[in-house]
C-alpha cells in the first residue's frame, strides 16, 4: 500500500509541476470541439431561430424535441453535422500524438523544458509514436475481440439458466476483466512511449519488450495506480452530473457549459496523472536497475629485449 501511495504521489507531483500541459491540451480540445460543433450549430440555428417549439430546448433539454429536430427534412442529412465533429476529434488525436513526446520529456525533466527542446522532441518522435500506435492496435485489437466474444458467449449461456441475476453479474464481471486487461495494455505502451522519449530509442520493438520486462513484476502496483485514478475520475463524473441535474437551473446554458467543461478538465487531468505515474515508475526502475560492469583485465608491462623480468612477489 505504501508503494502504491508513493507512486501516486510521485505522479501527482510531476503532473502538478507541469500542469500547464493539461491547460494547453484542454484549450486545444475546446477549440477543435467548437469547430467540430459549428456545422450542427448552424443547422440548428436555421430552424430553431424561427420556431416557438425551440423553447423546450432553450429552457431545458427535451429529448423528443431534439429527435424531431434531427428528423426534419430541412435540417439536412445527419452526416453533414456529425462528420465534422468526427474529423476534428481525429485531428485532436493526431495533435496528441504529435505533442505527447514533449510532455513526457517535460515530465522526466527536473526543470522547465525550453520551448525549442519541446518541439524538437515532438518532431523527432512522431514516427516512433505512430509505429507504437500500430503495435498497440495489433496487440489490443485481437485481445479485445477475443474478450468481447467470450463475454457474449458467457452472457448467452447465463441467459439459459434459471437464475435471473446471473446474466447481469456475468456481464459485470466480464466488463471488469476487459477493463483491467485493456488498462494493463495501456500501461505497457505508456511505459514504452516513455522509454522511447527519455532514452531516445529508435527501435520501438526494443522499447516494447523492455517496457514489458520492467512492468512484469510490478503489474499490481501499476494497475492499482491506474485503476484508482480512473475510479477518482468516475467519481468526479458522477458528482458533476449530480450538480448538473440538481443545482444548475435547466435554463442556464452557461452553468451547464461550465459544469461540463470542469468534468472534461478533470478527466483530462486524470489521464495526464496516469502518464506521470508511468514516468515516475520508469525513472524509479531505471535508478534501481543494476548497471553491468565489465571486468578490466590486468595489464602486463611488455618485457624489453635484454631486460630481466621482475620476480613475482
C-alpha atoms as a PDB file:
ATOM      1  CA  UNK A   1       0.000   0.000   0.000  1.00  0.00           C
ATOM      2  CA  UNK A   2       2.856   2.372   0.781  1.00  0.00           C
ATOM      3  CA  UNK A   3       4.435   1.639  -2.619  1.00  0.00           C
ATOM      4  CA  UNK A   4       1.162   2.413  -4.382  1.00  0.00           C
ATOM      5  CA  UNK A   5       0.779   5.656  -2.475  1.00  0.00           C
ATOM      6  CA  UNK A   6       4.346   6.675  -3.276  1.00  0.00           C
ATOM      7  CA  UNK A   7       3.790   6.052  -6.982  1.00  0.00           C
ATOM      8  CA  UNK A   8       0.543   8.011  -6.966  1.00  0.00           C
ATOM      9  CA  UNK A   9       2.101  10.877  -5.049  1.00  0.00           C
ATOM     10  CA  UNK A  10       5.167  10.915  -7.295  1.00  0.00           C
ATOM     11  CA  UNK A  11       2.929  11.046 -10.354  1.00  0.00           C
ATOM     12  CA  UNK A  12       0.779  13.765  -8.795  1.00  0.00           C
ATOM     13  CA  UNK A  13       3.901  15.795  -8.010  1.00  0.00           C
ATOM     14  CA  UNK A  14       5.124  15.521 -11.608  1.00  0.00           C
ATOM     15  CA  UNK A  15       1.723  16.383 -13.064  1.00  0.00           C
ATOM     16  CA  UNK A  16       1.285  19.294 -10.665  1.00  0.00           C
ATOM     17  CA  UNK A  17       4.685  20.692 -11.550  1.00  0.00           C
ATOM     18  CA  UNK A  18       3.748  20.580 -15.247  1.00  0.00           C
ATOM     19  CA  UNK A  19       0.042  21.416 -15.077  1.00  0.00           C
ATOM     20  CA  UNK A  20       0.435  23.857 -17.964  1.00  0.00           C
ATOM     21  CA  UNK A  21       0.348  20.850 -20.316  1.00  0.00           C
ATOM     22  CA  UNK A  22      -3.149  19.952 -19.106  1.00  0.00           C
ATOM     23  CA  UNK A  23      -4.306  23.535 -19.651  1.00  0.00           C
ATOM     24  CA  UNK A  24      -2.877  23.702 -23.161  1.00  0.00           C
ATOM     25  CA  UNK A  25      -4.391  20.375 -24.183  1.00  0.00           C
ATOM     26  CA  UNK A  26      -7.729  21.427 -22.704  1.00  0.00           C
ATOM     27  CA  UNK A  27      -7.690  24.674 -24.715  1.00  0.00           C
ATOM     28  CA  UNK A  28      -6.736  22.748 -27.835  1.00  0.00           C
ATOM     29  CA  UNK A  29      -9.598  20.314 -27.266  1.00  0.00           C
ATOM     30  CA  UNK A  30     -12.058  23.153 -26.625  1.00  0.00           C
ATOM     31  CA  UNK A  31     -11.017  24.982 -29.793  1.00  0.00           C
ATOM     32  CA  UNK A  32     -11.286  21.917 -32.011  1.00  0.00           C
ATOM     33  CA  UNK A  33     -14.603  20.940 -30.388  1.00  0.00           C
ATOM     34  CA  UNK A  34     -16.053  24.376 -31.169  1.00  0.00           C
ATOM     35  CA  UNK A  35     -15.064  23.970 -34.822  1.00  0.00           C
ATOM     36  CA  UNK A  36     -16.467  20.437 -34.881  1.00  0.00           C
ATOM     37  CA  UNK A  37     -19.828  21.569 -33.475  1.00  0.00           C
ATOM     38  CA  UNK A  38     -20.126  24.557 -35.820  1.00  0.00           C
ATOM     39  CA  UNK A  39     -21.936  22.576 -38.527  1.00  0.00           C
ATOM     40  CA  UNK A  40     -24.604  21.302 -36.133  1.00  0.00           C
ATOM     41  CA  UNK A  41     -24.933  24.754 -34.586  1.00  0.00           C
ATOM     42  CA  UNK A  42     -25.554  26.366 -37.973  1.00  0.00           C
ATOM     43  CA  UNK A  43     -28.109  23.740 -38.984  1.00  0.00           C
ATOM     44  CA  UNK A  44     -29.952  24.042 -35.670  1.00  0.00           C
ATOM     45  CA  UNK A  45     -29.972  27.858 -35.754  1.00  0.00           C
ATOM     46  CA  UNK A  46     -31.582  27.858 -39.173  1.00  0.00           C
ATOM     47  CA  UNK A  47     -34.634  26.077 -37.724  1.00  0.00           C
ATOM     48  CA  UNK A  48     -34.793  26.973 -34.028  1.00  0.00           C
ATOM     49  CA  UNK A  49     -34.436  30.720 -34.586  1.00  0.00           C
ATOM     50  CA  UNK A  50     -37.788  30.716 -36.371  1.00  0.00           C
ATOM     51  CA  UNK A  51     -39.754  28.238 -34.256  1.00  0.00           C
ATOM     52  CA  UNK A  52     -41.540  28.623 -30.923  1.00  0.00           C
ATOM     53  CA  UNK A  53     -41.025  24.901 -30.453  1.00  0.00           C
ATOM     54  CA  UNK A  54     -37.371  25.661 -29.644  1.00  0.00           C
ATOM     55  CA  UNK A  55     -38.433  26.951 -26.226  1.00  0.00           C
ATOM     56  CA  UNK A  56     -38.347  23.359 -24.956  1.00  0.00           C
ATOM     57  CA  UNK A  57     -34.652  23.216 -25.780  1.00  0.00           C
ATOM     58  CA  UNK A  58     -33.854  26.736 -24.643  1.00  0.00           C
ATOM     59  CA  UNK A  59     -35.282  26.314 -21.115  1.00  0.00           C
ATOM     60  CA  UNK A  60     -34.187  22.739 -20.619  1.00  0.00           C
ATOM     61  CA  UNK A  61     -33.378  19.575 -22.534  1.00  0.00           C
ATOM     62  CA  UNK A  62     -36.229  17.719 -24.194  1.00  0.00           C
ATOM     63  CA  UNK A  63     -35.150  14.526 -25.958  1.00  0.00           C
ATOM     64  CA  UNK A  64     -38.284  14.222 -28.111  1.00  0.00           C
ATOM     65  CA  UNK A  65     -37.845  17.772 -29.404  1.00  0.00           C
ATOM     66  CA  UNK A  66     -34.206  17.060 -30.295  1.00  0.00           C
ATOM     67  CA  UNK A  67     -35.132  13.875 -32.162  1.00  0.00           C
ATOM     68  CA  UNK A  68     -37.889  15.711 -34.058  1.00  0.00           C
ATOM     69  CA  UNK A  69     -35.382  18.417 -34.938  1.00  0.00           C
ATOM     70  CA  UNK A  70     -32.971  15.853 -36.380  1.00  0.00           C
ATOM     71  CA  UNK A  71     -35.787  14.182 -38.356  1.00  0.00           C
ATOM     72  CA  UNK A  72     -36.977  17.371 -40.106  1.00  0.00           C
ATOM     73  CA  UNK A  73     -36.217  17.404 -43.857  1.00  0.00           C
ATOM     74  CA  UNK A  74     -34.980  20.996 -43.738  1.00  0.00           C
ATOM     75  CA  UNK A  75     -32.410  20.056 -41.080  1.00  0.00           C
ATOM     76  CA  UNK A  76     -30.429  18.231 -43.724  1.00  0.00           C
ATOM     77  CA  UNK A  77     -28.519  14.946 -43.584  1.00  0.00           C
ATOM     78  CA  UNK A  78     -27.190  13.943 -40.194  1.00  0.00           C
ATOM     79  CA  UNK A  79     -23.739  13.226 -41.629  1.00  0.00           C
ATOM     80  CA  UNK A  80     -23.398  16.886 -42.529  1.00  0.00           C
ATOM     81  CA  UNK A  81     -23.285  17.751 -38.810  1.00  0.00           C
ATOM     82  CA  UNK A  82     -21.666  14.616 -37.351  1.00  0.00           C
ATOM     83  CA  UNK A  83     -18.768  14.099 -39.754  1.00  0.00           C
ATOM     84  CA  UNK A  84     -17.073  17.470 -38.980  1.00  0.00           C
ATOM     85  CA  UNK A  85     -17.146  16.552 -35.311  1.00  0.00           C
ATOM     86  CA  UNK A  86     -15.507  13.205 -36.147  1.00  0.00           C
ATOM     87  CA  UNK A  87     -12.827  14.860 -38.260  1.00  0.00           C
ATOM     88  CA  UNK A  88     -11.911  17.362 -35.545  1.00  0.00           C
ATOM     89  CA  UNK A  89     -11.869  14.572 -32.940  1.00  0.00           C
ATOM     90  CA  UNK A  90      -9.417  12.719 -35.179  1.00  0.00           C
ATOM     91  CA  UNK A  91      -7.390  15.911 -35.501  1.00  0.00           C
ATOM     92  CA  UNK A  92      -7.192  16.181 -31.697  1.00  0.00           C
ATOM     93  CA  UNK A  93      -5.954  12.581 -31.539  1.00  0.00           C
ATOM     94  CA  UNK A  94      -3.229  13.335 -34.087  1.00  0.00           C
ATOM     95  CA  UNK A  95      -2.268  16.517 -32.227  1.00  0.00           C
ATOM     96  CA  UNK A  96      -1.998  14.498 -29.015  1.00  0.00           C
ATOM     97  CA  UNK A  97       0.290  12.000 -30.725  1.00  0.00           C
ATOM     98  CA  UNK A  98       2.397  14.902 -32.024  1.00  0.00           C
ATOM     99  CA  UNK A  99       2.800  16.845 -28.768  1.00  0.00           C
ATOM    100  CA  UNK A 100       2.873  13.974 -26.265  1.00  0.00           C
ATOM    101  CA  UNK A 101       6.623  13.247 -26.636  1.00  0.00           C
ATOM    102  CA  UNK A 102       7.413  16.772 -25.456  1.00  0.00           C
ATOM    103  CA  UNK A 103       5.086  16.316 -22.495  1.00  0.00           C
ATOM    104  CA  UNK A 104       6.792  13.068 -21.474  1.00  0.00           C
ATOM    105  CA  UNK A 105      10.233  14.644 -21.710  1.00  0.00           C
ATOM    106  CA  UNK A 106       8.988  17.592 -19.642  1.00  0.00           C
ATOM    107  CA  UNK A 107       7.662  15.145 -17.039  1.00  0.00           C
ATOM    108  CA  UNK A 108      11.054  13.430 -16.824  1.00  0.00           C
ATOM    109  CA  UNK A 109      12.992  16.703 -16.511  1.00  0.00           C
ATOM    110  CA  UNK A 110      13.680  18.362 -13.185  1.00  0.00           C
ATOM    111  CA  UNK A 111      13.462  21.818 -14.770  1.00  0.00           C
ATOM    112  CA  UNK A 112      11.133  23.678 -17.116  1.00  0.00           C
ATOM    113  CA  UNK A 113      11.682  22.330 -20.604  1.00  0.00           C
ATOM    114  CA  UNK A 114      12.762  25.005 -23.107  1.00  0.00           C
ATOM    115  CA  UNK A 115      10.370  25.579 -25.965  1.00  0.00           C
ATOM    116  CA  UNK A 116      12.817  24.576 -28.684  1.00  0.00           C
ATOM    117  CA  UNK A 117      13.593  21.330 -26.843  1.00  0.00           C
ATOM    118  CA  UNK A 118       9.886  20.553 -26.523  1.00  0.00           C
ATOM    119  CA  UNK A 119       9.211  20.944 -30.245  1.00  0.00           C
ATOM    120  CA  UNK A 120      12.432  19.178 -31.222  1.00  0.00           C
ATOM    121  CA  UNK A 121      11.394  16.164 -29.151  1.00  0.00           C
ATOM    122  CA  UNK A 122       7.908  16.208 -30.679  1.00  0.00           C
ATOM    123  CA  UNK A 123       9.242  16.186 -34.219  1.00  0.00           C
ATOM    124  CA  UNK A 124      11.893  13.589 -33.519  1.00  0.00           C
ATOM    125  CA  UNK A 125       9.459  11.062 -32.020  1.00  0.00           C
ATOM    126  CA  UNK A 126       6.338  11.452 -34.182  1.00  0.00           C
ATOM    127  CA  UNK A 127       7.126   8.475 -36.448  1.00  0.00           C
ATOM    128  CA  UNK A 128       8.122   6.374 -33.444  1.00  0.00           C
ATOM    129  CA  UNK A 129       4.770   7.094 -31.786  1.00  0.00           C
ATOM    130  CA  UNK A 130       2.930   6.189 -34.983  1.00  0.00           C
ATOM    131  CA  UNK A 131       4.675   2.818 -35.001  1.00  0.00           C
ATOM    132  CA  UNK A 132       3.898   2.327 -31.309  1.00  0.00           C
ATOM    133  CA  UNK A 133       0.245   3.051 -32.020  1.00  0.00           C
ATOM    134  CA  UNK A 134       0.222   0.464 -34.810  1.00  0.00           C
ATOM    135  CA  UNK A 135       1.742  -2.126 -32.463  1.00  0.00           C
ATOM    136  CA  UNK A 136      -0.886  -1.193 -29.873  1.00  0.00           C
ATOM    137  CA  UNK A 137      -3.683  -1.789 -32.399  1.00  0.00           C
ATOM    138  CA  UNK A 138      -2.146  -5.114 -33.475  1.00  0.00           C
ATOM    139  CA  UNK A 139      -1.954  -6.326 -29.867  1.00  0.00           C
ATOM    140  CA  UNK A 140      -5.021  -4.736 -28.259  1.00  0.00           C
ATOM    141  CA  UNK A 141      -7.385  -5.274 -31.196  1.00  0.00           C
ATOM    142  CA  UNK A 142      -7.400  -9.099 -31.262  1.00  0.00           C
ATOM    143  CA  UNK A 143      -7.368  -9.307 -27.455  1.00  0.00           C
ATOM    144  CA  UNK A 144     -10.409  -7.028 -27.277  1.00  0.00           C
ATOM    145  CA  UNK A 145     -12.168  -9.104 -29.904  1.00  0.00           C
ATOM    146  CA  UNK A 146     -11.458 -12.366 -28.088  1.00  0.00           C
ATOM    147  CA  UNK A 147     -12.585 -10.979 -24.734  1.00  0.00           C
ATOM    148  CA  UNK A 148     -15.718  -9.491 -26.301  1.00  0.00           C
ATOM    149  CA  UNK A 149     -16.614 -12.801 -27.948  1.00  0.00           C
ATOM    150  CA  UNK A 150     -16.044 -14.635 -24.649  1.00  0.00           C
ATOM    151  CA  UNK A 151     -18.251 -12.110 -22.845  1.00  0.00           C
ATOM    152  CA  UNK A 152     -21.073 -12.598 -25.332  1.00  0.00           C
ATOM    153  CA  UNK A 153     -20.790 -16.378 -25.106  1.00  0.00           C
ATOM    154  CA  UNK A 154     -20.858 -16.349 -21.309  1.00  0.00           C
ATOM    155  CA  UNK A 155     -23.776 -13.916 -21.253  1.00  0.00           C
ATOM    156  CA  UNK A 156     -25.705 -16.113 -23.686  1.00  0.00           C
ATOM    157  CA  UNK A 157     -25.019 -19.173 -21.557  1.00  0.00           C
ATOM    158  CA  UNK A 158     -26.107 -17.304 -18.428  1.00  0.00           C
ATOM    159  CA  UNK A 159     -29.388 -16.365 -20.115  1.00  0.00           C
ATOM    160  CA  UNK A 160     -30.194 -20.065 -20.451  1.00  0.00           C
ATOM    161  CA  UNK A 161     -30.119 -20.594 -16.684  1.00  0.00           C
ATOM    162  CA  UNK A 162     -32.998 -20.092 -14.278  1.00  0.00           C
ATOM    163  CA  UNK A 163     -31.053 -17.562 -12.183  1.00  0.00           C
ATOM    164  CA  UNK A 164     -32.369 -14.113 -13.110  1.00  0.00           C
ATOM    165  CA  UNK A 165     -29.411 -12.218 -11.645  1.00  0.00           C
ATOM    166  CA  UNK A 166     -26.702 -14.403 -13.189  1.00  0.00           C
ATOM    167  CA  UNK A 167     -26.706 -12.653 -16.633  1.00  0.00           C
ATOM    168  CA  UNK A 168     -26.244  -9.254 -15.000  1.00  0.00           C
ATOM    169  CA  UNK A 169     -23.348 -10.360 -12.792  1.00  0.00           C
ATOM    170  CA  UNK A 170     -21.791 -12.252 -15.691  1.00  0.00           C
ATOM    171  CA  UNK A 171     -21.831  -9.109 -17.821  1.00  0.00           C
ATOM    172  CA  UNK A 172     -20.453  -7.050 -14.933  1.00  0.00           C
ATOM    173  CA  UNK A 173     -17.558  -9.409 -14.173  1.00  0.00           C
ATOM    174  CA  UNK A 174     -16.675  -9.710 -17.863  1.00  0.00           C
ATOM    175  CA  UNK A 175     -16.640  -5.925 -18.293  1.00  0.00           C
ATOM    176  CA  UNK A 176     -14.381  -5.549 -15.253  1.00  0.00           C
ATOM    177  CA  UNK A 177     -11.972  -8.154 -16.638  1.00  0.00           C
ATOM    178  CA  UNK A 178     -11.916  -6.460 -20.046  1.00  0.00           C
ATOM    179  CA  UNK A 179     -11.276  -3.092 -18.390  1.00  0.00           C
ATOM    180  CA  UNK A 180      -8.368  -4.474 -16.343  1.00  0.00           C
ATOM    181  CA  UNK A 181      -6.775  -6.237 -19.311  1.00  0.00           C
ATOM    182  CA  UNK A 182      -7.007  -3.169 -21.548  1.00  0.00           C
ATOM    183  CA  UNK A 183      -5.698  -0.961 -18.755  1.00  0.00           C
ATOM    184  CA  UNK A 184      -2.689  -3.268 -18.366  1.00  0.00           C
ATOM    185  CA  UNK A 185      -2.019  -2.998 -22.113  1.00  0.00           C
ATOM    186  CA  UNK A 186      -2.314   0.778 -21.862  1.00  0.00           C
ATOM    187  CA  UNK A 187       0.244   0.813 -19.025  1.00  0.00           C
ATOM    188  CA  UNK A 188       2.559  -1.346 -21.118  1.00  0.00           C
ATOM    189  CA  UNK A 189       2.531   1.082 -24.040  1.00  0.00           C
ATOM    190  CA  UNK A 190       2.649   4.145 -21.795  1.00  0.00           C
ATOM    191  CA  UNK A 191       5.941   2.792 -20.456  1.00  0.00           C
ATOM    192  CA  UNK A 192       7.121   2.017 -23.988  1.00  0.00           C
ATOM    193  CA  UNK A 193       6.390   5.596 -25.094  1.00  0.00           C
ATOM    194  CA  UNK A 194       8.183   6.929 -22.033  1.00  0.00           C
ATOM    195  CA  UNK A 195      11.242   4.807 -22.776  1.00  0.00           C
ATOM    196  CA  UNK A 196      11.284   5.850 -26.435  1.00  0.00           C
ATOM    197  CA  UNK A 197      11.329   9.542 -25.471  1.00  0.00           C
ATOM    198  CA  UNK A 198      13.660   9.507 -22.481  1.00  0.00           C
ATOM    199  CA  UNK A 199      16.244   7.097 -23.922  1.00  0.00           C
ATOM    200  CA  UNK A 200      15.848   8.450 -27.467  1.00  0.00           C
ATOM    201  CA  UNK A 201      15.260   4.872 -28.559  1.00  0.00           C
ATOM    202  CA  UNK A 202      14.711   4.474 -32.302  1.00  0.00           C
ATOM    203  CA  UNK A 203      13.840   0.773 -32.227  1.00  0.00           C
ATOM    204  CA  UNK A 204      10.287   0.727 -30.897  1.00  0.00           C
ATOM    205  CA  UNK A 205      10.174  -3.084 -30.721  1.00  0.00           C
ATOM    206  CA  UNK A 206      13.068  -2.988 -28.290  1.00  0.00           C
ATOM    207  CA  UNK A 207      11.240  -0.408 -26.176  1.00  0.00           C
ATOM    208  CA  UNK A 208       8.051  -2.501 -26.177  1.00  0.00           C
ATOM    209  CA  UNK A 209       9.952  -5.578 -24.992  1.00  0.00           C
ATOM    210  CA  UNK A 210      11.863  -3.593 -22.347  1.00  0.00           C
ATOM    211  CA  UNK A 211       8.647  -1.972 -21.101  1.00  0.00           C
ATOM    212  CA  UNK A 212       7.047  -5.387 -20.687  1.00  0.00           C
ATOM    213  CA  UNK A 213      10.039  -6.637 -18.707  1.00  0.00           C
ATOM    214  CA  UNK A 214      10.015  -3.583 -16.446  1.00  0.00           C
ATOM    215  CA  UNK A 215       6.334  -3.983 -15.558  1.00  0.00           C
ATOM    216  CA  UNK A 216       6.389  -7.782 -15.330  1.00  0.00           C
ATOM    217  CA  UNK A 217       6.925  -7.874 -11.559  1.00  0.00           C
ATOM    218  CA  UNK A 218       5.081  -4.612 -10.833  1.00  0.00           C
ATOM    219  CA  UNK A 219       1.739  -5.222 -12.565  1.00  0.00           C
ATOM    220  CA  UNK A 220      -0.314  -4.989  -9.394  1.00  0.00           C
ATOM    221  CA  UNK A 221       1.314  -1.738  -8.324  1.00  0.00           C
ATOM    222  CA  UNK A 222       0.949  -0.069 -11.715  1.00  0.00           C
ATOM    223  CA  UNK A 223      -2.529  -1.433 -12.355  1.00  0.00           C
ATOM    224  CA  UNK A 224      -3.681  -0.330  -8.913  1.00  0.00           C
ATOM    225  CA  UNK A 225      -2.439   3.198  -9.541  1.00  0.00           C
ATOM    226  CA  UNK A 226      -4.142   3.477 -12.915  1.00  0.00           C
ATOM    227  CA  UNK A 227      -7.402   1.940 -11.667  1.00  0.00           C
ATOM    228  CA  UNK A 228      -7.508   4.225  -8.631  1.00  0.00           C
ATOM    229  CA  UNK A 229      -7.026   7.315 -10.798  1.00  0.00           C
ATOM    230  CA  UNK A 230      -9.754   6.086 -13.162  1.00  0.00           C
ATOM    231  CA  UNK A 231     -12.037   5.477 -10.172  1.00  0.00           C
ATOM    232  CA  UNK A 232     -11.493   9.035  -8.953  1.00  0.00           C
ATOM    233  CA  UNK A 233     -12.308  10.314 -12.443  1.00  0.00           C
ATOM    234  CA  UNK A 234     -15.567   8.330 -12.446  1.00  0.00           C
ATOM    235  CA  UNK A 235     -16.456   9.772  -9.027  1.00  0.00           C
ATOM    236  CA  UNK A 236     -15.826  13.259 -10.409  1.00  0.00           C
ATOM    237  CA  UNK A 237     -18.093  12.452 -13.359  1.00  0.00           C
ATOM    238  CA  UNK A 238     -20.911  11.267 -11.085  1.00  0.00           C
ATOM    239  CA  UNK A 239     -20.588  14.342  -8.854  1.00  0.00           C
ATOM    240  CA  UNK A 240     -20.540  16.614 -11.898  1.00  0.00           C
ATOM    241  CA  UNK A 241     -23.681  15.046 -13.356  1.00  0.00           C
ATOM    242  CA  UNK A 242     -25.416  15.330  -9.979  1.00  0.00           C
ATOM    243  CA  UNK A 243     -24.522  19.030  -9.783  1.00  0.00           C
ATOM    244  CA  UNK A 244     -25.702  19.471 -13.360  1.00  0.00           C
ATOM    245  CA  UNK A 245     -29.105  17.922 -12.582  1.00  0.00           C
ATOM    246  CA  UNK A 246     -29.736  19.133  -9.034  1.00  0.00           C
ATOM    247  CA  UNK A 247     -28.063  22.541  -8.789  1.00  0.00           C
ATOM    248  CA  UNK A 248     -27.697  24.041 -12.256  1.00  0.00           C
ATOM    249  CA  UNK A 249     -31.019  25.560 -13.451  1.00  0.00           C
ATOM    250  CA  UNK A 250     -32.474  23.963 -16.558  1.00  0.00           C
ATOM    251  CA  UNK A 251     -32.436  27.285 -18.415  1.00  0.00           C
ATOM    252  CA  UNK A 252     -28.820  28.088 -17.506  1.00  0.00           C
ATOM    253  CA  UNK A 253     -26.794  27.295 -20.600  1.00  0.00           C
ATOM    254  CA  UNK A 254     -23.696  28.901 -19.088  1.00  0.00           C
ATOM    255  CA  UNK A 255     -23.973  26.818 -15.895  1.00  0.00           C
ATOM    256  CA  UNK A 256     -24.325  23.590 -17.863  1.00  0.00           C
ATOM    257  CA  UNK A 257     -21.350  24.574 -20.033  1.00  0.00           C
ATOM    258  CA  UNK A 258     -19.143  25.309 -17.004  1.00  0.00           C
ATOM    259  CA  UNK A 259     -20.020  22.038 -15.267  1.00  0.00           C
ATOM    260  CA  UNK A 260     -19.426  20.057 -18.441  1.00  0.00           C
ATOM    261  CA  UNK A 261     -16.058  21.704 -19.054  1.00  0.00           C
ATOM    262  CA  UNK A 262     -14.948  21.114 -15.470  1.00  0.00           C
ATOM    263  CA  UNK A 263     -15.766  17.416 -15.875  1.00  0.00           C
ATOM    264  CA  UNK A 264     -13.783  17.318 -19.116  1.00  0.00           C
ATOM    265  CA  UNK A 265     -10.828  19.096 -17.493  1.00  0.00           C
ATOM    266  CA  UNK A 266     -10.815  16.634 -14.567  1.00  0.00           C
ATOM    267  CA  UNK A 267     -10.854  13.654 -16.936  1.00  0.00           C
ATOM    268  CA  UNK A 268      -8.012  15.140 -18.968  1.00  0.00           C
ATOM    269  CA  UNK A 269      -6.018  15.788 -15.792  1.00  0.00           C
ATOM    270  CA  UNK A 270      -6.625  12.184 -14.668  1.00  0.00           C
ATOM    271  CA  UNK A 271      -5.143  10.841 -17.907  1.00  0.00           C
ATOM    272  CA  UNK A 272      -2.110  13.109 -17.544  1.00  0.00           C
ATOM    273  CA  UNK A 273      -1.771  11.899 -13.944  1.00  0.00           C
ATOM    274  CA  UNK A 274      -1.621   8.334 -15.224  1.00  0.00           C
ATOM    275  CA  UNK A 275       1.076   9.337 -17.686  1.00  0.00           C
ATOM    276  CA  UNK A 276       3.002  10.996 -14.880  1.00  0.00           C
ATOM    277  CA  UNK A 277       2.783   7.786 -12.827  1.00  0.00           C
ATOM    278  CA  UNK A 278       4.262   5.867 -15.764  1.00  0.00           C
ATOM    279  CA  UNK A 279       7.134   8.360 -15.992  1.00  0.00           C
ATOM    280  CA  UNK A 280       7.726   8.193 -12.230  1.00  0.00           C
ATOM    281  CA  UNK A 281       7.789   4.395 -12.346  1.00  0.00           C
ATOM    282  CA  UNK A 282      10.172   4.372 -15.301  1.00  0.00           C
ATOM    283  CA  UNK A 283      12.606   6.754 -13.622  1.00  0.00           C
ATOM    284  CA  UNK A 284      12.466   4.698 -10.437  1.00  0.00           C
ATOM    285  CA  UNK A 285      13.010   1.461 -12.373  1.00  0.00           C
ATOM    286  CA  UNK A 286      15.989   2.887 -14.238  1.00  0.00           C
ATOM    287  CA  UNK A 287      17.586   4.047 -10.996  1.00  0.00           C
ATOM    288  CA  UNK A 288      17.121   0.622  -9.405  1.00  0.00           C
ATOM    289  CA  UNK A 289      18.372  -1.380 -12.407  1.00  0.00           C
ATOM    290  CA  UNK A 290      21.912  -2.584 -11.701  1.00  0.00           C
ATOM    291  CA  UNK A 291      24.488  -1.486 -14.220  1.00  0.00           C
ATOM    292  CA  UNK A 292      26.649  -4.306 -15.554  1.00  0.00           C
ATOM    293  CA  UNK A 293      30.353  -3.555 -15.251  1.00  0.00           C
ATOM    294  CA  UNK A 294      32.938  -5.214 -17.422  1.00  0.00           C
ATOM    295  CA  UNK A 295      35.983  -6.656 -15.682  1.00  0.00           C
ATOM    296  CA  UNK A 296      39.098  -4.950 -16.964  1.00  0.00           C
ATOM    297  CA  UNK A 297      41.991  -7.403 -17.388  1.00  0.00           C
ATOM    298  CA  UNK A 298      45.185  -6.571 -15.592  1.00  0.00           C
ATOM    299  CA  UNK A 299      47.664  -5.015 -17.960  1.00  0.00           C
ATOM    300  CA  UNK A 300      51.091  -6.591 -18.133  1.00  0.00           C
ATOM    301  CA  UNK A 301      54.035  -4.419 -18.977  1.00  0.00           C
ATOM    302  CA  UNK A 302      55.911  -5.729 -22.001  1.00  0.00           C
ATOM    303  CA  UNK A 303      59.397  -7.108 -21.459  1.00  0.00           C
ATOM    304  CA  UNK A 304      62.011  -5.186 -23.366  1.00  0.00           C
ATOM    305  CA  UNK A 305      64.714  -7.157 -25.175  1.00  0.00           C
ATOM    306  CA  UNK A 306      67.623  -7.854 -22.915  1.00  0.00           C
ATOM    307  CA  UNK A 307      65.737  -6.920 -19.755  1.00  0.00           C
ATOM    308  CA  UNK A 308      65.181  -9.425 -16.964  1.00  0.00           C
ATOM    309  CA  UNK A 309      61.612  -9.972 -15.772  1.00  0.00           C
ATOM    310  CA  UNK A 310      60.944  -8.840 -12.249  1.00  0.00           C
ATOM    311  CA  UNK A 311      60.472 -11.648  -9.759  1.00  0.00           C
ATOM    312  CA  UNK A 312      56.968 -12.391  -8.573  1.00  0.00           C
ATOM    313  CA  UNK A 313      56.174 -11.128  -5.104  1.00  0.00           C
END
